[in-house]
Amino acid sequence: MYSSTSWFACKIDDGQYNGNDTHPYRWLLTQADNGHWGWMKDTDISDETNSVPNCSLYRYGW
């Protein structure tokens, strides 16, 4: 991610340990500046991510 503003499609809280005390297993799905989709660990994001929807909502169609 090269841009200073980012957006996230959804989050998971059961991913690999990311070293964060607040959300130790949180990863967020986003589209990078190069157009590729991927996961970003919560520790790399400066803002609170609680408002990002859970990926399970999309997976199960809720």
C-alpha atoms as a PDB file:
ATOM      1  CA  MET A   1       0.000   0.000   0.000  1.00  0.00           C
ATOM      2  CA  TYR A   2       1.561   3.226  -1.144  1.00  0.00           C
ATOM      3  CA  SER A   3      -1.381   5.585  -0.686  1.00  0.00           C
ATOM      4  CA  SER A   4      -2.075   7.397   2.569  1.00  0.00           C
ATOM      5  CA  THR A   5      -5.798   6.589   2.453  1.00  0.00           C
ATOM      6  CA  SER A   6      -7.064   3.038   2.293  1.00  0.00           C
ATOM      7  CA  TRP A   7     -10.340   1.160   2.431  1.00  0.00           C
ATOM      8  CA  PHE A   8     -11.078  -2.364   3.541  1.00  0.00           C
ATOM      9  CA  ALA A   9     -13.735  -4.738   2.234  1.00  0.00           C
ATOM     10  CA  CYS A  10     -13.969  -6.855   5.377  1.00  0.00           C
ATOM     11  CA  LYS A  11     -12.035  -8.287   8.328  1.00  0.00           C
ATOM     12  CA  ILE A  12     -11.361 -11.638   9.967  1.00  0.00           C
ATOM     13  CA  ASP A  13     -10.474 -12.154  13.624  1.00  0.00           C
ATOM     14  CA  ASP A  14      -9.277 -15.742  13.379  1.00  0.00           C
ATOM     15  CA  GLY A  15      -6.214 -15.357  11.179  1.00  0.00           C
ATOM     16  CA  GLN A  16      -2.540 -15.877  11.952  1.00  0.00           C
ATOM     17  CA  TYR A  17      -1.151 -14.078  15.027  1.00  0.00           C
ATOM     18  CA  ASN A  18      -0.126 -10.565  13.957  1.00  0.00           C
ATOM     19  CA  GLY A  19       1.655  -9.239  17.078  1.00  0.00           C
ATOM     20  CA  ASN A  20      -1.099  -6.791  18.045  1.00  0.00           C
ATOM     21  CA  ASP A  21      -2.286  -6.784  21.666  1.00  0.00           C
ATOM     22  CA  THR A  22      -5.693  -5.276  20.834  1.00  0.00           C
ATOM     23  CA  HIS A  23      -6.646  -7.446  17.827  1.00  0.00           C
ATOM     24  CA  PRO A  24      -4.042 -10.245  17.833  1.00  0.00           C
ATOM     25  CA  TYR A  25      -5.613 -12.303  15.013  1.00  0.00           C
ATOM     26  CA  ARG A  26      -7.253  -9.572  12.886  1.00  0.00           C
ATOM     27  CA  TRP A  27      -6.542  -9.260   9.176  1.00  0.00           C
ATOM     28  CA  LEU A  28      -8.314  -6.991   6.671  1.00  0.00           C
ATOM     29  CA  LEU A  29      -9.061  -7.637   3.009  1.00  0.00           C
ATOM     30  CA  THR A  30      -8.192  -4.744   0.711  1.00  0.00           C
ATOM     31  CA  GLN A  31      -7.283  -3.920  -2.857  1.00  0.00           C
ATOM     32  CA  ALA A  32      -3.702  -2.704  -3.165  1.00  0.00           C
ATOM     33  CA  ASP A  33      -2.510   0.229  -5.245  1.00  0.00           C
ATOM     34  CA  ASN A  34      -1.479  -2.216  -7.984  1.00  0.00           C
ATOM     35  CA  GLY A  35      -5.039  -3.596  -8.220  1.00  0.00           C
ATOM     36  CA  HIS A  36      -4.335  -6.925  -6.526  1.00  0.00           C
ATOM     37  CA  TRP A  37      -6.473  -8.125  -3.606  1.00  0.00           C
ATOM     38  CA  GLY A  38      -4.829  -9.258  -0.409  1.00  0.00           C
ATOM     39  CA  TRP A  39      -4.769  -9.295   3.377  1.00  0.00           C
ATOM     40  CA  MET A  40      -3.261  -6.585   5.558  1.00  0.00           C
ATOM     41  CA  LYS A  41      -2.546  -7.179   9.223  1.00  0.00           C
ATOM     42  CA  ASP A  42      -4.223  -4.948  11.764  1.00  0.00           C
ATOM     43  CA  THR A  43      -0.863  -3.757  13.135  1.00  0.00           C
ATOM     44  CA  ASP A  44      -0.169  -1.975   9.815  1.00  0.00           C
ATOM     45  CA  ILE A  45      -3.300   0.182  10.105  1.00  0.00           C
ATOM     46  CA  SER A  46      -3.285   3.329  12.246  1.00  0.00           C
ATOM     47  CA  ASP A  47      -7.077   3.734  12.624  1.00  0.00           C
ATOM     48  CA  GLU A  48      -9.462   1.562  14.629  1.00  0.00           C
ATOM     49  CA  THR A  49     -10.866  -1.252  12.478  1.00  0.00           C
ATOM     50  CA  ASN A  50     -13.888  -2.347  14.535  1.00  0.00           C
ATOM     51  CA  SER A  51     -16.304  -0.690  12.086  1.00  0.00           C
ATOM     52  CA  VAL A  52     -15.091  -2.811   9.143  1.00  0.00           C
ATOM     53  CA  PRO A  53     -17.659  -5.580   8.417  1.00  0.00           C
ATOM     54  CA  ASN A  54     -16.776  -9.195   9.130  1.00  0.00           C
ATOM     55  CA  CYS A  55     -15.902 -11.280   6.074  1.00  0.00           C
ATOM     56  CA  SER A  56     -18.263 -14.003   7.304  1.00  0.00           C
ATOM     57  CA  LEU A  57     -21.161 -11.684   6.439  1.00  0.00           C
ATOM     58  CA  TYR A  58     -20.145 -11.933   2.787  1.00  0.00           C
ATOM     59  CA  ARG A  59     -19.200 -15.593   2.904  1.00  0.00           C
ATOM     60  CA  TYR A  60     -22.588 -16.663   4.212  1.00  0.00           C
ATOM     61  CA  GLY A  61     -24.664 -13.968   2.489  1.00  0.00           C
ATOM     62  CA  TRP A  62     -25.999 -12.279   5.639  1.00  0.00           C
END
